[in-house]
N, C-alpha and C. Protein backbone atom coordinates (compact mmCIF):
# COMPACT_ATOMS: atom_id res chain seq x y z
N MET A 1 101.92 133.19 120.81
CA MET A 1 103.07 133.44 119.96
C MET A 1 102.66 134.38 118.84
N PRO A 2 103.51 135.31 118.53
CA PRO A 2 103.17 136.25 117.46
C PRO A 2 103.26 135.56 116.10
N GLU A 3 102.41 136.00 115.18
CA GLU A 3 102.42 135.45 113.84
C GLU A 3 103.62 135.96 113.05
N ASN A 4 103.93 137.22 113.22
CA ASN A 4 105.07 137.82 112.53
C ASN A 4 106.08 138.30 113.57
N LEU A 5 107.34 138.19 113.21
CA LEU A 5 108.40 138.67 114.08
C LEU A 5 108.95 139.98 113.55
N THR A 6 109.30 140.87 114.46
CA THR A 6 109.97 142.09 114.02
C THR A 6 111.44 141.77 113.75
N TRP A 7 112.13 142.73 113.15
CA TRP A 7 113.53 142.51 112.83
C TRP A 7 114.34 142.28 114.10
N MET A 8 114.05 143.04 115.16
CA MET A 8 114.80 142.92 116.41
C MET A 8 114.50 141.59 117.10
N THR A 9 113.25 141.15 117.06
CA THR A 9 112.90 139.86 117.67
C THR A 9 113.59 138.73 116.93
N GLY A 10 113.64 138.82 115.61
CA GLY A 10 114.34 137.80 114.82
C GLY A 10 115.82 137.77 115.12
N LEU A 11 116.41 138.96 115.33
CA LEU A 11 117.83 139.05 115.66
C LEU A 11 118.10 138.44 117.04
N ILE A 12 117.23 138.72 117.99
CA ILE A 12 117.40 138.17 119.34
C ILE A 12 117.21 136.65 119.32
N LEU A 13 116.20 136.17 118.61
CA LEU A 13 115.96 134.73 118.51
C LEU A 13 117.13 134.04 117.82
N GLY A 14 117.62 134.62 116.73
CA GLY A 14 118.78 134.05 116.02
C GLY A 14 120.02 134.04 116.88
N GLY A 15 120.25 135.13 117.64
CA GLY A 15 121.41 135.18 118.53
C GLY A 15 121.32 134.14 119.64
N GLY A 16 120.14 133.97 120.19
CA GLY A 16 119.95 132.97 121.25
C GLY A 16 120.20 131.55 120.74
N LEU A 17 119.66 131.27 119.56
CA LEU A 17 119.89 129.93 118.98
C LEU A 17 121.36 129.73 118.64
N THR A 18 122.03 130.78 118.22
CA THR A 18 123.46 130.68 117.92
C THR A 18 124.26 130.41 119.19
N LEU A 19 123.92 131.08 120.29
CA LEU A 19 124.62 130.83 121.55
C LEU A 19 124.45 129.39 122.02
N VAL A 20 123.24 128.87 121.92
CA VAL A 20 123.00 127.47 122.30
C VAL A 20 123.81 126.54 121.40
N GLY A 21 123.84 126.82 120.10
CA GLY A 21 124.61 126.01 119.18
C GLY A 21 126.10 126.07 119.45
N LEU A 22 126.62 127.25 119.84
CA LEU A 22 128.04 127.38 120.14
C LEU A 22 128.43 126.60 121.39
N VAL A 23 127.55 126.57 122.38
CA VAL A 23 127.82 125.77 123.59
C VAL A 23 127.88 124.29 123.23
N ILE A 24 126.94 123.85 122.41
CA ILE A 24 126.94 122.44 121.98
C ILE A 24 128.18 122.15 121.13
N SER A 25 128.56 123.09 120.28
CA SER A 25 129.75 122.91 119.45
C SER A 25 131.02 122.81 120.29
N PHE A 26 131.08 123.57 121.39
CA PHE A 26 132.23 123.49 122.29
C PHE A 26 132.34 122.10 122.91
N VAL A 27 131.19 121.58 123.33
CA VAL A 27 131.19 120.23 123.92
C VAL A 27 131.60 119.19 122.88
N VAL A 28 131.12 119.34 121.66
CA VAL A 28 131.49 118.43 120.59
C VAL A 28 132.98 118.57 120.28
N TRP A 29 133.51 119.79 120.27
CA TRP A 29 134.92 120.04 120.00
C TRP A 29 135.78 119.27 121.02
N ARG A 30 135.40 119.34 122.28
CA ARG A 30 136.18 118.67 123.34
C ARG A 30 136.06 117.14 123.23
N ALA A 31 134.90 116.65 122.84
CA ALA A 31 134.68 115.21 122.82
C ALA A 31 135.17 114.55 121.53
N ARG A 32 135.00 115.20 120.38
CA ARG A 32 135.28 114.55 119.10
C ARG A 32 136.37 115.22 118.27
N GLY A 33 136.88 116.34 118.71
CA GLY A 33 137.98 116.96 117.99
C GLY A 33 137.59 118.25 117.30
N ALA A 34 138.62 118.91 116.76
CA ALA A 34 138.45 120.23 116.18
C ALA A 34 137.62 120.22 114.91
N ALA A 35 137.77 119.19 114.09
CA ALA A 35 137.03 119.15 112.82
C ALA A 35 135.52 119.12 113.06
N ARG A 36 135.09 118.28 113.97
CA ARG A 36 133.65 118.21 114.28
C ARG A 36 133.18 119.48 114.99
N GLY A 37 134.02 120.03 115.85
CA GLY A 37 133.66 121.26 116.55
C GLY A 37 133.49 122.43 115.60
N LEU A 38 134.40 122.56 114.63
CA LEU A 38 134.28 123.65 113.66
C LEU A 38 133.04 123.49 112.79
N ARG A 39 132.71 122.26 112.45
CA ARG A 39 131.48 122.04 111.68
C ARG A 39 130.27 122.45 112.51
N GLY A 40 130.29 122.17 113.80
CA GLY A 40 129.21 122.60 114.68
C GLY A 40 129.12 124.11 114.78
N VAL A 41 130.27 124.79 114.82
CA VAL A 41 130.28 126.26 114.86
C VAL A 41 129.65 126.81 113.59
N ALA A 42 130.00 126.20 112.44
CA ALA A 42 129.44 126.67 111.17
C ALA A 42 127.92 126.55 111.18
N TRP A 43 127.40 125.43 111.63
CA TRP A 43 125.94 125.26 111.69
C TRP A 43 125.33 126.19 112.73
N SER A 44 126.04 126.46 113.80
CA SER A 44 125.52 127.31 114.86
C SER A 44 125.37 128.76 114.42
N LEU A 45 126.16 129.21 113.48
CA LEU A 45 126.10 130.60 113.02
C LEU A 45 124.90 130.87 112.11
N LEU A 46 124.30 129.83 111.56
CA LEU A 46 123.20 130.03 110.61
C LEU A 46 121.98 130.76 111.20
N PRO A 47 121.54 130.47 112.44
CA PRO A 47 120.40 131.26 112.96
C PRO A 47 120.72 132.75 113.09
N LEU A 48 121.94 133.09 113.48
CA LEU A 48 122.32 134.50 113.56
C LEU A 48 122.33 135.14 112.18
N VAL A 49 122.81 134.39 111.20
CA VAL A 49 122.80 134.89 109.82
C VAL A 49 121.36 135.17 109.38
N ALA A 50 120.45 134.23 109.67
CA ALA A 50 119.04 134.42 109.29
C ALA A 50 118.45 135.64 110.00
N GLY A 51 118.81 135.85 111.25
CA GLY A 51 118.32 137.03 111.97
C GLY A 51 118.86 138.32 111.40
N LEU A 52 120.14 138.35 111.04
CA LEU A 52 120.74 139.56 110.49
C LEU A 52 120.22 139.89 109.09
N ILE A 53 119.98 138.87 108.29
CA ILE A 53 119.50 139.09 106.92
C ILE A 53 118.01 139.46 106.93
N GLY A 54 117.30 139.04 107.95
CA GLY A 54 115.87 139.30 108.01
C GLY A 54 115.04 138.10 107.60
N LEU A 55 115.65 136.96 107.51
CA LEU A 55 114.92 135.74 107.12
C LEU A 55 114.26 135.03 108.31
N MET A 56 114.53 135.49 109.50
CA MET A 56 113.99 134.80 110.67
C MET A 56 112.46 134.83 110.67
N ASN A 57 111.85 135.90 110.16
CA ASN A 57 110.39 135.97 110.08
C ASN A 57 109.85 134.87 109.16
N ALA A 58 110.49 134.68 108.01
CA ALA A 58 110.04 133.64 107.07
C ALA A 58 110.23 132.26 107.68
N ILE A 59 111.36 132.05 108.33
CA ILE A 59 111.61 130.75 108.97
C ILE A 59 110.60 130.51 110.08
N TRP A 60 110.32 131.55 110.86
CA TRP A 60 109.33 131.43 111.95
C TRP A 60 107.96 131.06 111.40
N GLN A 61 107.51 131.72 110.34
CA GLN A 61 106.21 131.41 109.75
C GLN A 61 106.18 129.99 109.19
N PHE A 62 107.28 129.55 108.57
CA PHE A 62 107.35 128.19 108.04
C PHE A 62 107.23 127.17 109.17
N VAL A 63 108.00 127.37 110.23
CA VAL A 63 107.97 126.43 111.35
C VAL A 63 106.58 126.41 112.00
N MET A 64 105.99 127.58 112.18
CA MET A 64 104.66 127.63 112.80
C MET A 64 103.60 126.97 111.92
N SER A 65 103.70 127.12 110.61
CA SER A 65 102.72 126.46 109.74
C SER A 65 102.88 124.95 109.78
N ILE A 66 104.11 124.46 109.83
CA ILE A 66 104.33 123.01 109.93
C ILE A 66 103.79 122.49 111.26
N VAL A 67 104.06 123.22 112.34
CA VAL A 67 103.54 122.81 113.66
C VAL A 67 102.02 122.82 113.64
N GLY A 68 101.42 123.84 113.02
CA GLY A 68 99.95 123.89 112.94
C GLY A 68 99.37 122.72 112.16
N ILE A 69 100.02 122.36 111.07
CA ILE A 69 99.55 121.22 110.28
C ILE A 69 99.66 119.93 111.09
N LEU A 70 100.80 119.74 111.75
CA LEU A 70 100.98 118.51 112.53
C LEU A 70 100.01 118.42 113.70
N VAL A 71 99.75 119.55 114.37
CA VAL A 71 98.79 119.54 115.47
C VAL A 71 97.39 119.25 114.94
N GLY A 72 97.05 119.83 113.77
CA GLY A 72 95.75 119.55 113.17
C GLY A 72 95.59 118.09 112.79
N LEU A 73 96.67 117.48 112.31
CA LEU A 73 96.61 116.06 111.96
C LEU A 73 96.55 115.17 113.18
N LEU A 74 97.23 115.58 114.23
CA LEU A 74 97.31 114.77 115.43
C LEU A 74 95.96 114.62 116.12
N PHE A 75 95.16 115.67 116.11
CA PHE A 75 93.90 115.65 116.83
C PHE A 75 92.69 115.49 115.92
N ASN A 76 92.88 115.04 114.70
CA ASN A 76 91.78 114.85 113.76
C ASN A 76 91.47 113.36 113.64
N PRO A 77 90.26 112.93 114.05
CA PRO A 77 89.93 111.50 113.98
C PRO A 77 89.87 110.96 112.55
N ALA A 78 89.52 111.80 111.59
CA ALA A 78 89.48 111.33 110.19
C ALA A 78 90.89 110.97 109.71
N VAL A 79 91.89 111.72 110.17
CA VAL A 79 93.26 111.41 109.79
C VAL A 79 93.68 110.07 110.38
N TRP A 80 93.30 109.81 111.63
CA TRP A 80 93.67 108.54 112.25
C TRP A 80 92.94 107.38 111.58
N ALA A 81 91.72 107.61 111.12
CA ALA A 81 91.01 106.56 110.37
C ALA A 81 91.75 106.28 109.06
N GLY A 82 92.25 107.32 108.42
CA GLY A 82 93.03 107.13 107.20
C GLY A 82 94.33 106.38 107.45
N VAL A 83 94.98 106.69 108.57
CA VAL A 83 96.22 105.98 108.92
C VAL A 83 95.92 104.51 109.19
N ALA A 84 94.83 104.23 109.89
CA ALA A 84 94.46 102.83 110.16
C ALA A 84 94.11 102.10 108.86
N LEU A 85 93.41 102.77 107.97
CA LEU A 85 93.05 102.15 106.69
C LEU A 85 94.30 101.89 105.84
N ALA A 86 95.26 102.79 105.88
CA ALA A 86 96.52 102.57 105.17
C ALA A 86 97.25 101.36 105.75
N GLY A 87 97.23 101.21 107.05
CA GLY A 87 97.83 100.03 107.69
C GLY A 87 97.16 98.75 107.27
N VAL A 88 95.83 98.75 107.21
CA VAL A 88 95.09 97.57 106.75
C VAL A 88 95.47 97.25 105.31
N ALA A 89 95.59 98.26 104.45
CA ALA A 89 95.96 98.04 103.06
C ALA A 89 97.34 97.41 102.95
N VAL A 90 98.29 97.88 103.74
CA VAL A 90 99.64 97.33 103.71
C VAL A 90 99.63 95.87 104.17
N VAL A 91 98.90 95.58 105.24
CA VAL A 91 98.81 94.20 105.73
C VAL A 91 98.18 93.29 104.68
N LEU A 92 97.10 93.73 104.04
CA LEU A 92 96.46 92.91 103.00
C LEU A 92 97.40 92.68 101.83
N TYR A 93 98.16 93.67 101.44
CA TYR A 93 99.10 93.52 100.33
C TYR A 93 100.18 92.50 100.67
N VAL A 94 100.73 92.58 101.87
CA VAL A 94 101.77 91.64 102.27
C VAL A 94 101.22 90.22 102.38
N VAL A 95 100.04 90.07 102.95
CA VAL A 95 99.44 88.74 103.08
C VAL A 95 99.15 88.15 101.71
N SER A 96 98.66 88.96 100.76
CA SER A 96 98.39 88.43 99.42
C SER A 96 99.67 88.02 98.73
N GLY A 97 100.76 88.72 98.95
CA GLY A 97 102.05 88.31 98.38
C GLY A 97 102.53 87.00 98.95
N ILE A 98 102.36 86.81 100.25
CA ILE A 98 102.74 85.54 100.87
C ILE A 98 101.87 84.42 100.35
N MET A 99 100.56 84.67 100.21
CA MET A 99 99.66 83.64 99.68
C MET A 99 100.02 83.26 98.25
N ALA A 100 100.35 84.24 97.42
CA ALA A 100 100.71 83.96 96.03
C ALA A 100 102.02 83.18 95.96
N ALA A 101 102.97 83.49 96.84
CA ALA A 101 104.24 82.78 96.84
C ALA A 101 104.07 81.33 97.25
N ARG A 102 103.10 81.05 98.09
CA ARG A 102 102.85 79.68 98.55
C ARG A 102 101.83 78.95 97.69
N GLY A 103 101.23 79.65 96.75
CA GLY A 103 100.26 79.02 95.86
C GLY A 103 98.88 78.86 96.48
N VAL A 104 98.61 79.57 97.52
CA VAL A 104 97.31 79.48 98.19
C VAL A 104 96.36 80.48 97.55
N GLY A 105 95.21 80.01 97.11
CA GLY A 105 94.20 80.89 96.55
C GLY A 105 94.53 81.42 95.17
N THR A 106 95.34 80.68 94.41
CA THR A 106 95.70 81.16 93.08
C THR A 106 95.02 80.39 91.96
N GLN A 107 94.21 79.36 92.28
CA GLN A 107 93.53 78.60 91.24
C GLN A 107 92.27 79.34 90.79
N PRO A 108 91.98 79.29 89.49
CA PRO A 108 90.73 79.89 89.01
C PRO A 108 89.53 79.14 89.58
N ARG A 109 88.39 79.80 89.59
CA ARG A 109 87.20 79.20 90.20
C ARG A 109 86.68 77.98 89.47
N GLY A 110 86.70 77.97 88.14
CA GLY A 110 86.06 76.89 87.39
C GLY A 110 86.87 75.61 87.33
N LYS A 111 88.11 75.61 87.72
CA LYS A 111 88.96 74.44 87.58
C LYS A 111 89.01 73.65 88.88
N ALA A 112 89.07 72.33 88.72
CA ALA A 112 89.16 71.45 89.87
C ALA A 112 90.62 71.35 90.29
N PRO A 113 90.87 71.01 91.54
CA PRO A 113 92.25 70.84 91.98
C PRO A 113 92.93 69.69 91.24
N LYS A 114 94.24 69.75 91.09
CA LYS A 114 94.98 68.75 90.34
C LYS A 114 95.24 67.48 91.13
N GLU A 115 94.99 67.49 92.42
CA GLU A 115 95.26 66.33 93.24
C GLU A 115 94.22 65.25 92.99
N PRO A 116 94.62 63.96 92.96
CA PRO A 116 93.64 62.89 92.81
C PRO A 116 92.80 62.77 94.08
N LYS A 117 91.55 62.38 93.88
CA LYS A 117 90.64 62.25 95.02
C LYS A 117 91.00 61.02 95.82
N ALA A 118 90.75 61.07 97.11
CA ALA A 118 91.05 59.93 97.99
C ALA A 118 90.11 58.78 97.69
N GLY A 119 90.61 57.55 97.80
CA GLY A 119 89.78 56.35 97.61
C GLY A 119 89.56 56.02 96.14
N GLY A 120 90.39 56.47 95.24
CA GLY A 120 90.19 56.20 93.83
C GLY A 120 91.11 55.11 93.34
N GLY A 121 91.30 54.01 94.07
CA GLY A 121 92.27 52.97 93.73
C GLY A 121 92.10 52.43 92.33
N GLN A 122 90.97 51.79 92.01
CA GLN A 122 90.77 51.19 90.69
C GLN A 122 90.41 52.24 89.64
N GLY A 123 89.62 53.22 90.03
CA GLY A 123 89.18 54.23 89.08
C GLY A 123 90.35 55.06 88.58
N ALA A 124 91.30 55.34 89.43
CA ALA A 124 92.45 56.13 89.02
C ALA A 124 93.34 55.36 88.06
N ALA A 125 93.46 54.04 88.28
CA ALA A 125 94.29 53.23 87.39
C ALA A 125 93.62 53.10 86.03
N ALA A 126 92.28 53.01 86.01
CA ALA A 126 91.56 52.88 84.75
C ALA A 126 91.62 54.19 83.96
N ALA A 127 91.74 55.33 84.65
CA ALA A 127 91.77 56.61 83.98
C ALA A 127 93.15 56.96 83.45
N GLY A 128 94.11 56.06 83.66
CA GLY A 128 95.45 56.32 83.14
C GLY A 128 96.38 56.94 84.17
N LYS A 129 95.87 57.18 85.36
CA LYS A 129 96.71 57.73 86.43
C LYS A 129 97.04 56.60 87.39
N PRO A 130 98.27 56.54 87.86
CA PRO A 130 98.59 55.49 88.83
C PRO A 130 97.88 55.76 90.15
N ALA A 131 97.44 54.72 90.80
CA ALA A 131 96.78 54.85 92.09
C ALA A 131 97.82 55.18 93.15
N ALA A 132 97.36 55.55 94.33
CA ALA A 132 98.28 55.91 95.39
C ALA A 132 99.17 54.73 95.72
N GLY A 133 100.47 54.93 95.75
CA GLY A 133 101.42 53.87 96.06
C GLY A 133 101.93 53.14 94.83
N GLN A 134 101.33 53.31 93.65
CA GLN A 134 101.79 52.65 92.45
C GLN A 134 102.75 53.55 91.69
N VAL A 135 103.68 52.91 91.00
CA VAL A 135 104.60 53.66 90.16
C VAL A 135 104.17 53.44 88.73
N GLY A 136 103.89 54.50 88.00
CA GLY A 136 103.41 54.35 86.63
C GLY A 136 104.33 55.07 85.66
N ALA A 137 104.21 54.71 84.40
CA ALA A 137 105.00 55.37 83.37
C ALA A 137 104.39 56.74 83.09
N PRO A 138 105.19 57.66 82.57
CA PRO A 138 104.63 58.97 82.23
C PRO A 138 103.57 58.83 81.15
N SER A 139 102.63 59.75 81.15
CA SER A 139 101.55 59.67 80.16
C SER A 139 102.09 59.95 78.77
N LYS A 140 101.28 59.62 77.74
CA LYS A 140 101.71 59.78 76.35
C LYS A 140 101.93 61.25 76.01
N LYS A 141 101.16 62.12 76.59
CA LYS A 141 101.28 63.54 76.29
C LYS A 141 102.64 64.08 76.75
N SER A 142 103.06 63.74 77.98
CA SER A 142 104.34 64.23 78.48
C SER A 142 105.50 63.59 77.73
N ALA A 143 105.36 62.32 77.27
CA ALA A 143 106.42 61.67 76.50
C ALA A 143 106.58 62.37 75.16
N ALA A 144 105.47 62.76 74.54
CA ALA A 144 105.55 63.47 73.26
C ALA A 144 106.20 64.84 73.45
N ASP A 145 105.91 65.50 74.55
CA ASP A 145 106.54 66.79 74.82
C ASP A 145 108.04 66.64 74.98
N ASP A 146 108.46 65.58 75.67
CA ASP A 146 109.90 65.34 75.86
C ASP A 146 110.58 65.10 74.53
N LEU A 147 109.94 64.33 73.62
CA LEU A 147 110.55 64.04 72.32
C LEU A 147 110.65 65.29 71.46
N SER A 148 109.66 66.15 71.53
CA SER A 148 109.74 67.38 70.73
C SER A 148 110.87 68.28 71.21
N ASP A 149 111.11 68.28 72.50
CA ASP A 149 112.23 69.05 73.02
C ASP A 149 113.56 68.48 72.54
N LEU A 150 113.67 67.14 72.49
CA LEU A 150 114.90 66.52 72.01
C LEU A 150 115.10 66.78 70.52
N GLY A 151 114.02 66.85 69.76
CA GLY A 151 114.15 67.14 68.34
C GLY A 151 114.75 68.51 68.10
N ASP A 152 114.37 69.47 68.91
CA ASP A 152 114.94 70.82 68.78
C ASP A 152 116.43 70.80 69.09
N ILE A 153 116.81 70.04 70.08
CA ILE A 153 118.22 69.95 70.44
C ILE A 153 119.01 69.26 69.33
N GLU A 154 118.42 68.19 68.77
CA GLU A 154 119.09 67.48 67.67
C GLU A 154 119.29 68.41 66.48
N ASP A 155 118.30 69.22 66.15
CA ASP A 155 118.44 70.17 65.04
C ASP A 155 119.57 71.16 65.29
N LEU A 156 119.67 71.65 66.52
CA LEU A 156 120.74 72.58 66.83
C LEU A 156 122.10 71.91 66.73
N LEU A 157 122.21 70.66 67.18
CA LEU A 157 123.47 69.95 67.09
C LEU A 157 123.87 69.73 65.63
N ARG A 158 122.90 69.39 64.76
CA ARG A 158 123.19 69.18 63.35
C ARG A 158 123.67 70.47 62.70
N LYS A 159 123.06 71.60 63.09
CA LYS A 159 123.49 72.89 62.51
C LYS A 159 124.94 73.20 62.87
N ARG A 160 125.36 72.79 64.06
CA ARG A 160 126.72 73.05 64.51
C ARG A 160 127.72 72.01 64.00
N GLY A 161 127.21 70.97 63.34
CA GLY A 161 128.09 69.93 62.82
C GLY A 161 128.44 68.87 63.83
N ILE A 162 127.64 68.74 64.86
CA ILE A 162 127.89 67.73 65.89
C ILE A 162 126.86 66.63 65.70
N ASP A 163 127.33 65.39 65.56
CA ASP A 163 126.40 64.25 65.37
C ASP A 163 126.26 63.43 66.61
């Protein structure tokens, strides 16, 4: 394929593409109506316009450079390694989001899990935590937190004049 097109070659190429577009536009006109057919005719005239103005050489060089880049990417193993690595990165990102949503792997290293250890029947009761199967009252710390929240609500009610 030539790198540059002459004016006549561009005109012939533009005319050929226009003829193909007009045939397709005729088929569209018959199948979908005049409005769609006329739109197809308008698009079909653009290659002939480019050939007559002399832009077909620039369009040809643009298309050939894009094709050259794509062919170079297609047969380059380093590019495929990059594509595979990008896929691995996307999979790791999605998996980490799922793990964070489920709470898996989100505890800091130095902290112990919050679950009571198995077999701690008497020891758990002595430590202030109810043993498995026992119902216990809330701890003093959580009761104090609840009362402080109620105090804030009471203050707001007093400000509004509600007793």
